[in-house]
């Protein structure tokens, strides 16, 4: 799996979301959620195909020194992946978000901490609209442990950012634990533009 330069140019889009959902301060995407990036992520998530990880990681490597990445990571203490429900984790055998970002974060000296759990299983969200997602995801995330996050700046990492509901619900829990600033980084996102 690898992208030809024109295909990569079509999906690469390292840019900030112009209206991140509070309490998220910033949200940055690396690619547009379409064509090649959608195909790669679907193979990883729904076919458990780990062979798509090298091109995903190469894209992250290629953009790792971009100014937008530096702006996003400035002052961040650690990253938190969006968690899978225990049942989905057992079924898949891995959290795709951790697999996507672990090397990238390691190179940036940012620890990846599993501070959140998904307390109940949720259906696959890709066919649902914003209202349906909000209803399903309301209250499904909780702290994995009691932890004081006062003064901490946290980066939530996720594979796909569509409506922002998942990231926002995770951010609310981190905020309730005292987190100062929370930002998001998505491998792929559909910001509506």
N, C-alpha and C. Protein backbone atom coordinates (compact mmCIF):
# COMPACT_ATOMS: atom_id res chain seq x y z
N UNK A 1 0.83 -1.20 0.00
CA UNK A 1 0.00 0.00 0.00
C UNK A 1 0.87 1.24 0.00
N UNK A 2 0.75 2.04 -1.01
CA UNK A 2 1.38 3.35 -0.96
C UNK A 2 0.66 4.28 -1.92
N UNK A 3 0.80 5.57 -1.62
CA UNK A 3 0.10 6.56 -2.43
C UNK A 3 1.00 7.10 -3.51
N UNK A 4 0.44 7.27 -4.70
CA UNK A 4 1.17 7.99 -5.72
C UNK A 4 1.08 9.47 -5.35
N UNK A 5 2.06 10.29 -5.76
CA UNK A 5 2.03 11.71 -5.37
C UNK A 5 0.72 12.44 -5.67
N UNK A 6 0.09 12.26 -6.86
CA UNK A 6 -1.18 12.96 -7.08
C UNK A 6 -2.30 12.51 -6.13
N UNK A 7 -2.31 11.20 -5.79
CA UNK A 7 -3.34 10.69 -4.87
C UNK A 7 -3.13 11.28 -3.48
N UNK A 8 -1.87 11.34 -3.06
CA UNK A 8 -1.56 11.89 -1.75
C UNK A 8 -1.92 13.37 -1.70
N UNK A 9 -1.65 14.07 -2.78
CA UNK A 9 -1.97 15.50 -2.84
C UNK A 9 -3.47 15.75 -2.68
N UNK A 10 -4.28 14.80 -3.18
CA UNK A 10 -5.74 14.92 -3.09
C UNK A 10 -6.24 14.85 -1.65
N UNK A 11 -5.59 14.01 -0.83
CA UNK A 11 -6.12 13.81 0.53
C UNK A 11 -5.37 14.59 1.60
N UNK A 12 -4.10 14.92 1.36
CA UNK A 12 -3.30 15.59 2.39
C UNK A 12 -3.88 16.98 2.67
N UNK A 13 -4.12 17.26 3.94
CA UNK A 13 -4.74 18.54 4.28
C UNK A 13 -4.44 18.85 5.74
N UNK A 14 -3.23 19.30 6.01
CA UNK A 14 -2.83 19.58 7.39
C UNK A 14 -3.36 20.96 7.75
N UNK A 15 -4.56 20.97 8.35
CA UNK A 15 -5.15 22.26 8.67
C UNK A 15 -6.03 22.18 9.92
N UNK A 16 -6.23 23.34 10.52
CA UNK A 16 -7.02 23.44 11.74
C UNK A 16 -8.50 23.62 11.40
N UNK A 17 -9.33 23.04 12.23
CA UNK A 17 -10.78 23.20 12.10
C UNK A 17 -11.12 24.62 12.54
N UNK A 18 -11.92 25.33 11.74
CA UNK A 18 -12.17 26.73 12.09
C UNK A 18 -13.20 26.90 13.22
N UNK A 19 -13.92 25.84 13.59
CA UNK A 19 -14.82 25.98 14.74
C UNK A 19 -14.84 24.71 15.59
N UNK A 20 -13.76 24.49 16.34
CA UNK A 20 -13.69 23.27 17.17
C UNK A 20 -14.77 23.27 18.25
N UNK A 21 -15.38 22.11 18.51
CA UNK A 21 -16.44 22.06 19.52
C UNK A 21 -15.86 22.17 20.94
N UNK A 22 -16.32 23.14 21.74
CA UNK A 22 -15.83 23.27 23.11
C UNK A 22 -16.10 21.98 23.88
N UNK A 23 -15.24 21.60 24.81
CA UNK A 23 -14.10 22.34 25.34
C UNK A 23 -12.79 22.18 24.54
N UNK A 24 -12.86 21.65 23.31
CA UNK A 24 -11.64 21.54 22.50
C UNK A 24 -11.20 22.93 22.05
N UNK A 25 -9.92 23.22 22.23
CA UNK A 25 -9.40 24.54 21.83
C UNK A 25 -8.97 24.55 20.36
N UNK A 26 -8.35 23.43 19.94
CA UNK A 26 -7.88 23.32 18.55
C UNK A 26 -8.12 21.90 18.09
N UNK A 27 -8.39 21.75 16.81
CA UNK A 27 -8.45 20.42 16.21
C UNK A 27 -7.70 20.49 14.88
N UNK A 28 -6.75 19.58 14.70
CA UNK A 28 -5.95 19.54 13.48
C UNK A 28 -6.17 18.20 12.79
N UNK A 29 -6.34 18.26 11.48
CA UNK A 29 -6.41 17.01 10.71
C UNK A 29 -5.16 16.90 9.85
N UNK A 30 -4.84 15.67 9.49
CA UNK A 30 -3.69 15.43 8.62
C UNK A 30 -4.16 15.19 7.19
N UNK A 31 -5.28 14.48 7.06
CA UNK A 31 -5.82 14.21 5.72
C UNK A 31 -7.32 14.48 5.70
N UNK A 32 -7.84 14.66 4.50
CA UNK A 32 -9.29 14.75 4.32
C UNK A 32 -9.83 13.33 4.38
N UNK A 33 -10.98 13.17 5.00
CA UNK A 33 -11.58 11.85 5.11
C UNK A 33 -12.33 11.53 3.83
N UNK A 34 -11.57 11.04 2.85
CA UNK A 34 -12.17 10.65 1.58
C UNK A 34 -11.18 9.80 0.79
N UNK A 35 -11.65 9.23 -0.27
CA UNK A 35 -10.84 8.43 -1.18
C UNK A 35 -9.87 7.53 -0.45
N UNK A 36 -8.58 7.75 -0.66
CA UNK A 36 -7.55 6.87 -0.12
C UNK A 36 -7.51 6.78 1.39
N UNK A 37 -7.68 7.89 2.08
CA UNK A 37 -7.59 7.83 3.55
C UNK A 37 -8.77 7.06 4.12
N UNK A 38 -9.95 7.24 3.55
CA UNK A 38 -11.13 6.49 4.01
C UNK A 38 -10.92 4.99 3.80
N UNK A 39 -10.40 4.64 2.63
CA UNK A 39 -10.16 3.23 2.31
C UNK A 39 -9.16 2.60 3.29
N UNK A 40 -8.08 3.30 3.56
CA UNK A 40 -7.08 2.79 4.50
C UNK A 40 -7.67 2.57 5.89
N UNK A 41 -8.39 3.57 6.38
CA UNK A 41 -8.95 3.48 7.72
C UNK A 41 -10.02 2.40 7.82
N UNK A 42 -10.81 2.22 6.78
CA UNK A 42 -11.82 1.16 6.79
C UNK A 42 -11.15 -0.21 6.81
N UNK A 43 -10.07 -0.37 6.07
CA UNK A 43 -9.36 -1.66 6.07
C UNK A 43 -8.78 -1.95 7.46
N UNK A 44 -8.26 -0.91 8.10
CA UNK A 44 -7.69 -1.07 9.44
C UNK A 44 -8.78 -1.40 10.46
N UNK A 45 -9.88 -0.64 10.43
CA UNK A 45 -10.91 -0.78 11.45
C UNK A 45 -11.84 -1.96 11.24
N UNK A 46 -12.23 -2.20 10.01
CA UNK A 46 -13.27 -3.20 9.78
C UNK A 46 -12.74 -4.52 9.22
N UNK A 47 -11.53 -4.50 8.65
CA UNK A 47 -10.93 -5.75 8.17
C UNK A 47 -9.75 -6.18 9.04
N UNK A 48 -9.46 -5.39 10.08
CA UNK A 48 -8.30 -5.67 10.97
C UNK A 48 -7.02 -5.85 10.16
N UNK A 49 -6.86 -5.08 9.11
CA UNK A 49 -5.73 -5.21 8.21
C UNK A 49 -4.60 -4.27 8.65
N UNK A 50 -3.61 -4.84 9.35
CA UNK A 50 -2.49 -4.03 9.86
C UNK A 50 -1.49 -3.64 8.77
N UNK A 51 -1.63 -4.23 7.58
CA UNK A 51 -0.70 -3.89 6.49
C UNK A 51 -0.90 -2.47 5.98
N UNK A 52 -2.00 -1.83 6.35
CA UNK A 52 -2.22 -0.45 5.91
C UNK A 52 -1.52 0.55 6.84
N UNK A 53 -0.97 0.07 7.95
CA UNK A 53 -0.32 1.01 8.87
C UNK A 53 0.92 1.70 8.30
N UNK A 54 1.81 1.01 7.57
CA UNK A 54 2.99 1.73 7.05
C UNK A 54 2.68 2.98 6.23
N UNK A 55 1.73 2.95 5.27
CA UNK A 55 1.45 4.21 4.56
C UNK A 55 0.85 5.30 5.46
N UNK A 56 0.04 4.89 6.42
CA UNK A 56 -0.54 5.85 7.37
C UNK A 56 0.58 6.50 8.18
N UNK A 57 1.49 5.67 8.68
CA UNK A 57 2.59 6.18 9.50
C UNK A 57 3.55 7.03 8.67
N UNK A 58 3.71 6.66 7.39
CA UNK A 58 4.59 7.46 6.52
C UNK A 58 4.02 8.86 6.32
N UNK A 59 2.69 8.95 6.15
CA UNK A 59 2.05 10.26 6.00
C UNK A 59 2.30 11.09 7.25
N UNK A 60 2.13 10.49 8.43
CA UNK A 60 2.38 11.21 9.69
C UNK A 60 3.84 11.66 9.78
N UNK A 61 4.75 10.76 9.40
CA UNK A 61 6.18 11.11 9.41
C UNK A 61 6.45 12.29 8.49
N UNK A 62 5.86 12.24 7.30
CA UNK A 62 6.10 13.28 6.30
C UNK A 62 5.62 14.66 6.74
N UNK A 63 4.58 14.70 7.58
CA UNK A 63 4.04 16.01 8.01
C UNK A 63 4.51 16.40 9.42
N UNK A 64 5.31 15.55 10.04
CA UNK A 64 5.63 15.76 11.47
C UNK A 64 6.37 17.06 11.77
N UNK A 65 7.04 17.62 10.77
CA UNK A 65 7.76 18.88 11.02
C UNK A 65 7.03 20.11 10.50
N UNK A 66 5.78 19.94 10.09
CA UNK A 66 5.00 21.07 9.59
C UNK A 66 4.71 22.05 10.74
N UNK A 67 4.59 23.30 10.39
CA UNK A 67 4.34 24.35 11.38
C UNK A 67 3.05 24.10 12.17
N UNK A 68 2.02 23.61 11.47
CA UNK A 68 0.74 23.35 12.14
C UNK A 68 0.89 22.32 13.26
N UNK A 69 1.72 21.31 13.01
CA UNK A 69 1.95 20.27 14.03
C UNK A 69 2.65 20.89 15.23
N UNK A 70 3.66 21.74 14.97
CA UNK A 70 4.38 22.41 16.07
C UNK A 70 3.44 23.28 16.89
N UNK A 71 2.56 24.02 16.21
CA UNK A 71 1.59 24.88 16.91
C UNK A 71 0.68 24.01 17.78
N UNK A 72 0.19 22.91 17.23
CA UNK A 72 -0.72 22.03 17.97
C UNK A 72 -0.05 21.42 19.19
N UNK A 73 1.19 20.96 19.03
CA UNK A 73 1.86 20.22 20.11
C UNK A 73 2.53 21.13 21.13
N UNK A 74 2.61 22.42 20.86
CA UNK A 74 3.27 23.34 21.78
C UNK A 74 2.58 23.33 23.15
N UNK A 75 3.34 22.95 24.18
CA UNK A 75 2.81 22.96 25.54
C UNK A 75 2.01 21.73 25.93
N UNK A 76 1.86 20.76 25.02
CA UNK A 76 1.09 19.54 25.34
C UNK A 76 1.90 18.65 26.28
N UNK A 77 1.25 18.14 27.32
CA UNK A 77 1.90 17.26 28.29
C UNK A 77 1.86 15.79 27.86
N UNK A 78 0.75 15.35 27.33
CA UNK A 78 0.63 13.97 26.85
C UNK A 78 -0.61 13.83 25.98
N UNK A 79 -0.70 12.67 25.32
CA UNK A 79 -1.83 12.39 24.43
C UNK A 79 -2.70 11.30 25.03
N UNK A 80 -3.99 11.37 24.70
CA UNK A 80 -4.97 10.38 25.15
C UNK A 80 -5.71 9.87 23.92
N UNK A 81 -5.67 8.55 23.67
CA UNK A 81 -6.42 8.04 22.52
C UNK A 81 -7.90 7.91 22.85
N UNK A 82 -8.75 8.06 21.85
CA UNK A 82 -10.17 7.75 22.03
C UNK A 82 -10.24 6.24 22.29
N UNK A 83 -10.89 5.84 23.39
CA UNK A 83 -10.90 4.42 23.73
C UNK A 83 -11.96 3.62 22.96
N UNK A 84 -11.68 2.34 22.82
CA UNK A 84 -12.67 1.40 22.28
C UNK A 84 -13.38 0.76 23.46
N UNK A 85 -14.59 0.29 23.24
CA UNK A 85 -15.24 -0.52 24.28
C UNK A 85 -14.49 -1.85 24.37
N UNK A 86 -14.47 -2.42 25.57
CA UNK A 86 -13.74 -3.66 25.82
C UNK A 86 -14.11 -4.77 24.82
N UNK A 87 -15.41 -4.87 24.51
CA UNK A 87 -15.86 -5.90 23.56
C UNK A 87 -15.28 -5.68 22.17
N UNK A 88 -15.28 -4.44 21.70
CA UNK A 88 -14.73 -4.12 20.38
C UNK A 88 -13.22 -4.35 20.37
N UNK A 89 -12.56 -4.01 21.49
CA UNK A 89 -11.11 -4.22 21.59
C UNK A 89 -10.79 -5.71 21.47
N UNK A 90 -11.56 -6.55 22.18
CA UNK A 90 -11.32 -8.01 22.12
C UNK A 90 -11.54 -8.53 20.71
N UNK A 91 -12.59 -8.02 20.07
CA UNK A 91 -12.94 -8.43 18.71
C UNK A 91 -11.83 -8.04 17.73
N UNK A 92 -11.32 -6.82 17.84
CA UNK A 92 -10.32 -6.29 16.90
C UNK A 92 -8.91 -6.68 17.29
N UNK A 93 -8.66 -6.72 18.60
CA UNK A 93 -7.33 -7.09 19.09
C UNK A 93 -6.40 -5.90 19.26
N UNK A 94 -6.85 -4.71 18.89
CA UNK A 94 -6.01 -3.50 19.03
C UNK A 94 -6.91 -2.28 18.93
N UNK A 95 -6.40 -1.16 19.45
CA UNK A 95 -7.06 0.13 19.27
C UNK A 95 -6.36 0.78 18.08
N UNK A 96 -7.09 0.96 16.98
CA UNK A 96 -6.49 1.48 15.75
C UNK A 96 -5.88 2.86 15.96
N UNK A 97 -6.45 3.67 16.84
CA UNK A 97 -5.92 5.01 17.07
C UNK A 97 -4.53 4.95 17.70
N UNK A 98 -4.36 4.03 18.65
CA UNK A 98 -3.03 3.85 19.26
C UNK A 98 -2.04 3.40 18.20
N UNK A 99 -2.44 2.44 17.37
CA UNK A 99 -1.54 1.92 16.33
C UNK A 99 -1.12 3.04 15.36
N UNK A 100 -2.08 3.90 15.01
CA UNK A 100 -1.79 4.98 14.06
C UNK A 100 -0.78 5.97 14.64
N UNK A 101 -0.98 6.36 15.90
CA UNK A 101 -0.22 7.48 16.45
C UNK A 101 0.96 7.11 17.35
N UNK A 102 1.12 5.84 17.75
CA UNK A 102 2.14 5.51 18.75
C UNK A 102 3.56 5.94 18.33
N UNK A 103 3.96 5.64 17.11
CA UNK A 103 5.32 5.99 16.67
C UNK A 103 5.50 7.50 16.54
N UNK A 104 4.50 8.15 15.97
CA UNK A 104 4.52 9.61 15.80
C UNK A 104 4.71 10.29 17.16
N UNK A 105 3.93 9.87 18.16
CA UNK A 105 4.00 10.49 19.49
C UNK A 105 5.32 10.18 20.18
N UNK A 106 5.83 8.96 19.97
CA UNK A 106 7.11 8.57 20.55
C UNK A 106 8.22 9.49 20.02
N UNK A 107 8.20 9.74 18.72
CA UNK A 107 9.21 10.63 18.11
C UNK A 107 9.08 12.06 18.62
N UNK A 108 7.88 12.44 19.05
CA UNK A 108 7.65 13.78 19.58
C UNK A 108 7.81 13.83 21.10
N UNK A 109 8.26 12.72 21.69
CA UNK A 109 8.43 12.60 23.15
C UNK A 109 7.15 12.91 23.93
N UNK A 110 6.03 12.51 23.35
CA UNK A 110 4.74 12.70 24.02
C UNK A 110 4.21 11.34 24.47
N UNK A 111 4.05 11.14 25.78
CA UNK A 111 3.50 9.86 26.24
C UNK A 111 2.04 9.71 25.79
N UNK A 112 1.65 8.46 25.54
CA UNK A 112 0.28 8.12 25.19
C UNK A 112 -0.33 7.46 26.42
N UNK A 113 -1.35 8.07 26.99
CA UNK A 113 -1.93 7.55 28.24
C UNK A 113 -3.39 7.18 28.02
N UNK A 114 -3.73 5.98 28.41
CA UNK A 114 -5.11 5.51 28.31
C UNK A 114 -5.88 5.94 29.56
N UNK A 115 -6.32 7.19 29.57
CA UNK A 115 -6.99 7.75 30.75
C UNK A 115 -8.51 7.61 30.68
N UNK A 116 -9.02 7.18 29.52
CA UNK A 116 -10.47 7.10 29.35
C UNK A 116 -10.90 5.67 29.03
N UNK A 117 -12.13 5.35 29.42
CA UNK A 117 -12.73 4.08 29.02
C UNK A 117 -14.08 4.38 28.37
N UNK A 118 -14.50 3.48 27.51
CA UNK A 118 -15.83 3.56 26.91
C UNK A 118 -16.69 2.60 27.71
N UNK A 119 -17.65 3.15 28.43
CA UNK A 119 -18.39 2.34 29.42
C UNK A 119 -19.45 1.43 28.81
N UNK A 120 -19.86 1.71 27.59
CA UNK A 120 -20.84 0.83 26.94
C UNK A 120 -20.56 0.74 25.46
N UNK A 121 -20.93 -0.39 24.86
CA UNK A 121 -20.70 -0.53 23.42
C UNK A 121 -21.59 0.43 22.65
N UNK A 122 -21.08 0.91 21.54
CA UNK A 122 -21.87 1.80 20.69
C UNK A 122 -21.86 1.21 19.28
N UNK A 123 -22.91 1.47 18.51
CA UNK A 123 -22.90 0.97 17.12
C UNK A 123 -21.84 1.71 16.30
N UNK A 124 -21.53 1.17 15.14
CA UNK A 124 -20.62 1.89 14.25
C UNK A 124 -21.29 3.21 13.87
N UNK A 125 -20.50 4.28 13.92
CA UNK A 125 -21.07 5.62 13.80
C UNK A 125 -21.07 6.20 12.39
N UNK A 126 -20.38 5.54 11.46
CA UNK A 126 -20.13 6.21 10.18
C UNK A 126 -21.38 6.55 9.37
N UNK A 127 -22.51 5.90 9.65
CA UNK A 127 -23.73 6.23 8.90
C UNK A 127 -24.67 7.16 9.66
N UNK A 128 -24.25 7.60 10.84
CA UNK A 128 -25.14 8.39 11.68
C UNK A 128 -24.89 9.88 11.57
N UNK A 129 -25.95 10.67 11.71
CA UNK A 129 -25.78 12.12 11.67
C UNK A 129 -25.38 12.66 13.04
N UNK A 130 -25.14 13.95 13.11
CA UNK A 130 -24.65 14.58 14.34
C UNK A 130 -25.59 14.36 15.53
N UNK A 131 -26.87 14.53 15.33
CA UNK A 131 -27.85 14.37 16.42
C UNK A 131 -27.86 12.94 16.94
N UNK A 132 -27.84 11.98 16.01
CA UNK A 132 -27.82 10.56 16.41
C UNK A 132 -26.54 10.23 17.17
N UNK A 133 -25.42 10.76 16.70
CA UNK A 133 -24.14 10.52 17.39
C UNK A 133 -24.15 11.10 18.80
N UNK A 134 -24.67 12.32 18.91
CA UNK A 134 -24.70 12.97 20.22
C UNK A 134 -25.52 12.15 21.21
N UNK A 135 -26.65 11.63 20.75
CA UNK A 135 -27.52 10.82 21.62
C UNK A 135 -26.80 9.55 22.06
N UNK A 136 -26.18 8.85 21.11
CA UNK A 136 -25.50 7.58 21.39
C UNK A 136 -24.27 7.77 22.27
N UNK A 137 -23.51 8.85 22.03
CA UNK A 137 -22.23 9.02 22.72
C UNK A 137 -22.33 9.79 24.04
N UNK A 138 -23.46 10.36 24.33
CA UNK A 138 -23.61 11.13 25.56
C UNK A 138 -23.36 10.25 26.79
N UNK A 139 -22.32 10.60 27.53
CA UNK A 139 -22.02 9.89 28.78
C UNK A 139 -21.37 8.53 28.64
N UNK A 140 -20.92 8.15 27.43
CA UNK A 140 -20.32 6.81 27.31
C UNK A 140 -18.84 6.75 27.69
N UNK A 141 -18.20 7.91 27.86
CA UNK A 141 -16.79 7.91 28.26
C UNK A 141 -16.66 8.24 29.74
N UNK A 142 -15.68 7.62 30.38
CA UNK A 142 -15.46 7.86 31.82
C UNK A 142 -13.97 7.76 32.09
N UNK A 143 -13.52 8.30 33.23
CA UNK A 143 -12.10 8.16 33.58
C UNK A 143 -11.76 6.69 33.81
N UNK A 144 -10.60 6.27 33.35
CA UNK A 144 -10.13 4.90 33.60
C UNK A 144 -9.72 4.77 35.07
N UNK A 145 -9.33 5.89 35.66
CA UNK A 145 -8.94 5.94 37.07
C UNK A 145 -9.14 7.36 37.56
N UNK A 146 -9.21 7.51 38.87
CA UNK A 146 -9.31 8.87 39.41
C UNK A 146 -7.95 9.53 39.26
N UNK A 147 -7.90 10.61 38.57
CA UNK A 147 -6.62 11.28 38.31
C UNK A 147 -6.85 12.79 38.30
N UNK A 148 -5.88 13.51 38.83
CA UNK A 148 -5.97 14.97 38.88
C UNK A 148 -5.21 15.52 37.67
N UNK A 149 -5.93 16.17 36.78
CA UNK A 149 -5.31 16.70 35.56
C UNK A 149 -5.15 18.22 35.60
N UNK A 150 -5.27 18.79 36.79
CA UNK A 150 -5.15 20.25 36.88
C UNK A 150 -3.82 20.73 36.31
N UNK A 151 -3.91 21.76 35.47
CA UNK A 151 -2.71 22.36 34.89
C UNK A 151 -2.16 21.59 33.69
N UNK A 152 -2.80 20.49 33.30
CA UNK A 152 -2.29 19.67 32.19
C UNK A 152 -2.93 20.07 30.87
N UNK A 153 -2.10 20.08 29.84
CA UNK A 153 -2.56 20.33 28.48
C UNK A 153 -2.53 19.00 27.73
N UNK A 154 -3.68 18.60 27.23
CA UNK A 154 -3.83 17.25 26.70
C UNK A 154 -4.23 17.27 25.23
N UNK A 155 -3.69 16.29 24.50
CA UNK A 155 -4.03 16.11 23.09
C UNK A 155 -4.83 14.82 22.96
N UNK A 156 -6.05 14.92 22.47
CA UNK A 156 -6.84 13.72 22.17
C UNK A 156 -6.51 13.31 20.74
N UNK A 157 -6.14 12.04 20.55
CA UNK A 157 -5.88 11.55 19.19
C UNK A 157 -7.00 10.61 18.78
N UNK A 158 -7.39 10.74 17.51
CA UNK A 158 -8.45 9.89 16.97
C UNK A 158 -8.16 9.60 15.51
N UNK A 159 -8.66 8.48 15.04
CA UNK A 159 -8.43 8.13 13.64
C UNK A 159 -9.25 9.01 12.71
N UNK A 160 -10.55 9.18 13.05
CA UNK A 160 -11.45 9.93 12.17
C UNK A 160 -12.24 10.95 12.98
N UNK A 161 -12.30 12.17 12.48
CA UNK A 161 -13.09 13.24 13.10
C UNK A 161 -14.13 13.64 12.08
N UNK A 162 -15.41 13.38 12.37
CA UNK A 162 -16.45 13.77 11.41
C UNK A 162 -17.27 14.91 12.00
N UNK A 163 -18.14 14.61 12.95
CA UNK A 163 -18.94 15.68 13.55
C UNK A 163 -18.25 16.30 14.76
N UNK A 164 -17.24 15.61 15.31
CA UNK A 164 -16.55 16.11 16.50
C UNK A 164 -17.16 15.64 17.80
N UNK A 165 -18.25 14.88 17.72
CA UNK A 165 -18.96 14.45 18.93
C UNK A 165 -18.08 13.56 19.82
N UNK A 166 -17.42 12.58 19.23
CA UNK A 166 -16.59 11.66 20.02
C UNK A 166 -15.49 12.43 20.76
N UNK A 167 -14.76 13.26 20.03
CA UNK A 167 -13.67 14.05 20.64
C UNK A 167 -14.21 14.97 21.74
N UNK A 168 -15.34 15.60 21.45
CA UNK A 168 -15.92 16.52 22.42
C UNK A 168 -16.33 15.79 23.70
N UNK A 169 -16.94 14.63 23.57
CA UNK A 169 -17.36 13.85 24.75
C UNK A 169 -16.14 13.41 25.57
N UNK A 170 -15.07 13.02 24.90
CA UNK A 170 -13.82 12.66 25.60
C UNK A 170 -13.26 13.89 26.32
N UNK A 171 -13.28 15.02 25.63
CA UNK A 171 -12.73 16.27 26.20
C UNK A 171 -13.51 16.69 27.44
N UNK A 172 -14.83 16.50 27.43
CA UNK A 172 -15.64 16.87 28.60
C UNK A 172 -15.19 16.11 29.84
N UNK A 173 -14.89 14.81 29.67
CA UNK A 173 -14.45 14.00 30.81
C UNK A 173 -13.09 14.49 31.30
N UNK A 174 -12.17 14.76 30.39
CA UNK A 174 -10.84 15.25 30.77
C UNK A 174 -10.94 16.61 31.46
N UNK A 175 -11.84 17.45 30.97
CA UNK A 175 -12.06 18.77 31.57
C UNK A 175 -12.59 18.61 33.00
N UNK A 176 -13.49 17.64 33.20
CA UNK A 176 -14.06 17.41 34.54
C UNK A 176 -13.00 16.93 35.53
N UNK A 177 -11.89 16.41 35.00
CA UNK A 177 -10.77 15.97 35.86
C UNK A 177 -9.76 17.09 36.08
N UNK A 178 -10.07 18.27 35.53
CA UNK A 178 -9.24 19.44 35.78
C UNK A 178 -8.31 19.86 34.66
N UNK A 179 -8.35 19.16 33.52
CA UNK A 179 -7.44 19.50 32.42
C UNK A 179 -7.58 20.97 32.05
N UNK A 180 -6.43 21.61 31.80
CA UNK A 180 -6.43 23.04 31.47
C UNK A 180 -6.85 23.30 30.03
N UNK A 181 -6.07 22.73 29.09
CA UNK A 181 -6.36 22.90 27.67
C UNK A 181 -6.42 21.53 27.01
N UNK A 182 -7.37 21.39 26.10
CA UNK A 182 -7.51 20.12 25.40
C UNK A 182 -7.61 20.40 23.90
N UNK A 183 -6.77 19.71 23.13
CA UNK A 183 -6.79 19.84 21.67
C UNK A 183 -7.01 18.46 21.06
N UNK A 184 -7.27 18.43 19.77
CA UNK A 184 -7.49 17.16 19.09
C UNK A 184 -6.63 17.04 17.84
N UNK A 185 -6.20 15.81 17.57
CA UNK A 185 -5.46 15.51 16.34
C UNK A 185 -6.12 14.29 15.71
N UNK A 186 -6.58 14.44 14.49
CA UNK A 186 -7.21 13.34 13.76
C UNK A 186 -6.38 13.01 12.54
N UNK A 187 -6.22 11.71 12.28
CA UNK A 187 -5.53 11.34 11.06
C UNK A 187 -6.34 11.81 9.85
N UNK A 188 -7.67 11.60 9.92
CA UNK A 188 -8.53 12.02 8.82
C UNK A 188 -9.74 12.75 9.37
N UNK A 189 -10.18 13.78 8.69
CA UNK A 189 -11.34 14.52 9.15
C UNK A 189 -12.12 15.08 7.98
N UNK A 190 -13.40 15.18 8.20
CA UNK A 190 -14.26 15.85 7.25
C UNK A 190 -14.75 17.11 7.95
N UNK A 191 -14.14 18.23 7.66
CA UNK A 191 -14.53 19.49 8.28
C UNK A 191 -15.65 20.18 7.50
N UNK A 192 -16.13 19.50 6.48
CA UNK A 192 -17.19 20.11 5.66
C UNK A 192 -16.63 21.01 4.57
N UNK A 193 -15.30 20.98 4.41
CA UNK A 193 -14.68 21.76 3.31
C UNK A 193 -13.40 21.09 2.87
